[in-house]
Amino acid sequence: MGVSDSPRPVASAGYNFVRWMGGALAPFAAAQLGEHYGPQVPFYAGALAMVVAIAIALGGRRFLAAHEPHVV
């Protein structure tokens, strides 16, 4: 929460919105993918989402390091 330029309650609300919305949509999306394209597709989609998340986390390291609190 300390990385955001927003106040802590706003950053927390945004984080929780993304977390709960993903948790609500993931089972529905997995069922639809499996039903329309085959039972293995939700697993491929999950693996792809994980690769994208790792790329975002590694790509954002410079931004996070720039906002770390400096210990004096």
N, C-alpha and C. Protein backbone atom coordinates (compact mmCIF):
# COMPACT_ATOMS: atom_id res chain seq x y z
N MET A 1 0.82 -1.19 0.00
CA MET A 1 0.00 0.00 0.00
C MET A 1 0.87 1.26 0.00
N GLY A 2 2.07 1.14 0.53
CA GLY A 2 2.94 2.30 0.61
C GLY A 2 3.54 2.71 -0.71
N VAL A 3 3.43 1.87 -1.74
CA VAL A 3 4.01 2.20 -3.03
C VAL A 3 3.12 3.18 -3.79
N SER A 4 1.83 3.13 -3.54
CA SER A 4 0.88 3.96 -4.26
C SER A 4 0.99 5.42 -3.85
N ASP A 5 0.69 6.30 -4.79
CA ASP A 5 0.63 7.73 -4.49
C ASP A 5 -0.70 8.09 -3.82
N SER A 6 -1.64 7.17 -3.86
CA SER A 6 -2.96 7.39 -3.26
C SER A 6 -2.88 7.17 -1.75
N PRO A 7 -3.85 7.73 -1.02
CA PRO A 7 -3.90 7.46 0.42
C PRO A 7 -4.08 5.96 0.67
N ARG A 8 -3.63 5.51 1.81
CA ARG A 8 -3.66 4.07 2.13
C ARG A 8 -5.05 3.44 1.99
N PRO A 9 -6.13 4.08 2.48
CA PRO A 9 -7.45 3.45 2.32
C PRO A 9 -7.87 3.29 0.85
N VAL A 10 -7.49 4.24 0.01
CA VAL A 10 -7.83 4.16 -1.41
C VAL A 10 -7.03 3.04 -2.08
N ALA A 11 -5.75 2.95 -1.76
CA ALA A 11 -4.93 1.88 -2.33
C ALA A 11 -5.42 0.52 -1.87
N SER A 12 -5.81 0.41 -0.60
CA SER A 12 -6.33 -0.85 -0.08
C SER A 12 -7.64 -1.22 -0.76
N ALA A 13 -8.49 -0.26 -0.98
CA ALA A 13 -9.77 -0.53 -1.66
C ALA A 13 -9.53 -1.00 -3.08
N GLY A 14 -8.61 -0.37 -3.79
CA GLY A 14 -8.29 -0.79 -5.16
C GLY A 14 -7.72 -2.19 -5.19
N TYR A 15 -6.82 -2.49 -4.29
CA TYR A 15 -6.23 -3.83 -4.22
C TYR A 15 -7.31 -4.88 -3.95
N ASN A 16 -8.17 -4.61 -2.98
CA ASN A 16 -9.22 -5.57 -2.63
C ASN A 16 -10.24 -5.73 -3.75
N PHE A 17 -10.54 -4.65 -4.48
CA PHE A 17 -11.45 -4.76 -5.61
C PHE A 17 -10.89 -5.72 -6.66
N VAL A 18 -9.63 -5.55 -7.01
CA VAL A 18 -9.01 -6.42 -8.01
C VAL A 18 -8.98 -7.86 -7.50
N ARG A 19 -8.61 -8.04 -6.25
CA ARG A 19 -8.50 -9.39 -5.69
C ARG A 19 -9.86 -10.10 -5.67
N TRP A 20 -10.89 -9.45 -5.17
CA TRP A 20 -12.20 -10.09 -5.07
C TRP A 20 -12.88 -10.22 -6.42
N MET A 21 -12.67 -9.27 -7.32
CA MET A 21 -13.27 -9.39 -8.64
C MET A 21 -12.63 -10.56 -9.39
N GLY A 22 -11.32 -10.72 -9.27
CA GLY A 22 -10.66 -11.86 -9.90
C GLY A 22 -11.15 -13.17 -9.30
N GLY A 23 -11.33 -13.20 -8.00
CA GLY A 23 -11.83 -14.40 -7.35
C GLY A 23 -13.26 -14.73 -7.73
N ALA A 24 -14.04 -13.72 -8.07
CA ALA A 24 -15.42 -13.95 -8.47
C ALA A 24 -15.51 -14.37 -9.94
N LEU A 25 -14.67 -13.80 -10.78
CA LEU A 25 -14.76 -14.08 -12.22
C LEU A 25 -14.01 -15.33 -12.65
N ALA A 26 -12.97 -15.71 -11.93
CA ALA A 26 -12.13 -16.84 -12.35
C ALA A 26 -12.90 -18.15 -12.48
N PRO A 27 -13.74 -18.55 -11.53
CA PRO A 27 -14.46 -19.81 -11.71
C PRO A 27 -15.40 -19.79 -12.90
N PHE A 28 -16.07 -18.67 -13.11
CA PHE A 28 -16.97 -18.55 -14.26
C PHE A 28 -16.19 -18.62 -15.57
N ALA A 29 -15.09 -17.88 -15.65
CA ALA A 29 -14.27 -17.88 -16.87
C ALA A 29 -13.67 -19.26 -17.13
N ALA A 30 -13.21 -19.93 -16.08
CA ALA A 30 -12.64 -21.27 -16.25
C ALA A 30 -13.70 -22.25 -16.75
N ALA A 31 -14.90 -22.17 -16.21
CA ALA A 31 -15.98 -23.06 -16.66
C ALA A 31 -16.33 -22.80 -18.11
N GLN A 32 -16.40 -21.53 -18.50
CA GLN A 32 -16.73 -21.20 -19.89
C GLN A 32 -15.64 -21.67 -20.85
N LEU A 33 -14.39 -21.44 -20.48
CA LEU A 33 -13.27 -21.88 -21.34
C LEU A 33 -13.27 -23.41 -21.48
N GLY A 34 -13.47 -24.09 -20.37
CA GLY A 34 -13.47 -25.55 -20.40
C GLY A 34 -14.64 -26.11 -21.19
N GLU A 35 -15.78 -25.47 -21.07
CA GLU A 35 -16.97 -25.95 -21.77
C GLU A 35 -16.88 -25.73 -23.27
N HIS A 36 -16.34 -24.59 -23.68
CA HIS A 36 -16.33 -24.24 -25.10
C HIS A 36 -15.09 -24.74 -25.84
N TYR A 37 -13.96 -24.82 -25.16
CA TYR A 37 -12.70 -25.13 -25.85
C TYR A 37 -12.02 -26.41 -25.39
N GLY A 38 -12.48 -27.00 -24.32
CA GLY A 38 -11.86 -28.24 -23.84
C GLY A 38 -11.38 -28.09 -22.41
N PRO A 39 -11.31 -29.21 -21.71
CA PRO A 39 -10.99 -29.15 -20.28
C PRO A 39 -9.56 -28.70 -19.97
N GLN A 40 -8.64 -28.76 -20.92
CA GLN A 40 -7.26 -28.36 -20.66
C GLN A 40 -7.05 -26.85 -20.81
N VAL A 41 -7.94 -26.16 -21.51
CA VAL A 41 -7.75 -24.73 -21.80
C VAL A 41 -7.71 -23.86 -20.54
N PRO A 42 -8.55 -24.07 -19.52
CA PRO A 42 -8.42 -23.24 -18.31
C PRO A 42 -7.04 -23.33 -17.66
N PHE A 43 -6.42 -24.50 -17.75
CA PHE A 43 -5.08 -24.64 -17.17
C PHE A 43 -4.05 -23.87 -17.99
N TYR A 44 -4.20 -23.89 -19.31
CA TYR A 44 -3.31 -23.10 -20.17
C TYR A 44 -3.52 -21.60 -19.91
N ALA A 45 -4.76 -21.20 -19.74
CA ALA A 45 -5.06 -19.79 -19.46
C ALA A 45 -4.46 -19.38 -18.11
N GLY A 46 -4.54 -20.25 -17.12
CA GLY A 46 -3.93 -19.96 -15.81
C GLY A 46 -2.42 -19.85 -15.90
N ALA A 47 -1.82 -20.74 -16.69
CA ALA A 47 -0.36 -20.69 -16.86
C ALA A 47 0.04 -19.40 -17.58
N LEU A 48 -0.72 -19.02 -18.59
CA LEU A 48 -0.44 -17.77 -19.30
C LEU A 48 -0.59 -16.56 -18.37
N ALA A 49 -1.63 -16.57 -17.55
CA ALA A 49 -1.82 -15.46 -16.59
C ALA A 49 -0.66 -15.38 -15.61
N MET A 50 -0.14 -16.52 -15.21
CA MET A 50 1.00 -16.53 -14.28
C MET A 50 2.25 -15.97 -14.95
N VAL A 51 2.49 -16.34 -16.21
CA VAL A 51 3.64 -15.81 -16.94
C VAL A 51 3.53 -14.29 -17.08
N VAL A 52 2.32 -13.81 -17.40
CA VAL A 52 2.11 -12.37 -17.51
C VAL A 52 2.34 -11.69 -16.16
N ALA A 53 1.85 -12.29 -15.08
CA ALA A 53 2.04 -11.70 -13.75
C ALA A 53 3.51 -11.65 -13.36
N ILE A 54 4.27 -12.69 -13.68
CA ILE A 54 5.71 -12.69 -13.39
C ILE A 54 6.41 -11.61 -14.20
N ALA A 55 6.03 -11.45 -15.46
CA ALA A 55 6.63 -10.40 -16.30
C ALA A 55 6.33 -9.01 -15.74
N ILE A 56 5.11 -8.81 -15.28
CA ILE A 56 4.74 -7.51 -14.69
C ILE A 56 5.52 -7.28 -13.41
N ALA A 57 5.63 -8.31 -12.57
CA ALA A 57 6.36 -8.16 -11.31
C ALA A 57 7.84 -7.87 -11.56
N LEU A 58 8.44 -8.58 -12.50
CA LEU A 58 9.85 -8.33 -12.79
C LEU A 58 10.05 -6.98 -13.48
N GLY A 59 9.13 -6.61 -14.34
CA GLY A 59 9.23 -5.33 -15.03
C GLY A 59 9.01 -4.15 -14.11
N GLY A 60 8.24 -4.34 -13.04
CA GLY A 60 7.95 -3.25 -12.12
C GLY A 60 8.93 -3.12 -10.97
N ARG A 61 9.98 -3.94 -10.97
CA ARG A 61 10.94 -3.87 -9.86
C ARG A 61 11.61 -2.51 -9.76
N ARG A 62 11.93 -1.89 -10.91
CA ARG A 62 12.56 -0.56 -10.86
C ARG A 62 11.62 0.45 -10.22
N PHE A 63 10.33 0.38 -10.56
CA PHE A 63 9.35 1.31 -9.99
C PHE A 63 9.25 1.09 -8.48
N LEU A 64 9.20 -0.16 -8.06
CA LEU A 64 9.08 -0.44 -6.63
C LEU A 64 10.34 -0.03 -5.88
N ALA A 65 11.51 -0.27 -6.47
CA ALA A 65 12.76 0.11 -5.82
C ALA A 65 12.85 1.63 -5.68
N ALA A 66 12.32 2.36 -6.64
CA ALA A 66 12.37 3.81 -6.58
C ALA A 66 11.47 4.37 -5.48
N HIS A 67 10.50 3.61 -5.04
CA HIS A 67 9.57 4.07 -4.01
C HIS A 67 9.80 3.43 -2.64
N GLU A 68 10.89 2.70 -2.48
CA GLU A 68 11.20 2.10 -1.18
C GLU A 68 11.56 3.19 -0.19
N PRO A 69 11.13 3.01 1.06
CA PRO A 69 11.54 4.00 2.07
C PRO A 69 13.05 3.91 2.31
N HIS A 70 13.66 5.06 2.43
CA HIS A 70 15.11 5.12 2.67
C HIS A 70 15.37 5.14 4.16
N VAL A 71 16.16 4.20 4.63
CA VAL A 71 16.51 4.14 6.04
C VAL A 71 17.74 5.00 6.26
N VAL A 72 17.63 5.89 7.22
CA VAL A 72 18.75 6.80 7.50
C VAL A 72 19.47 6.36 8.74
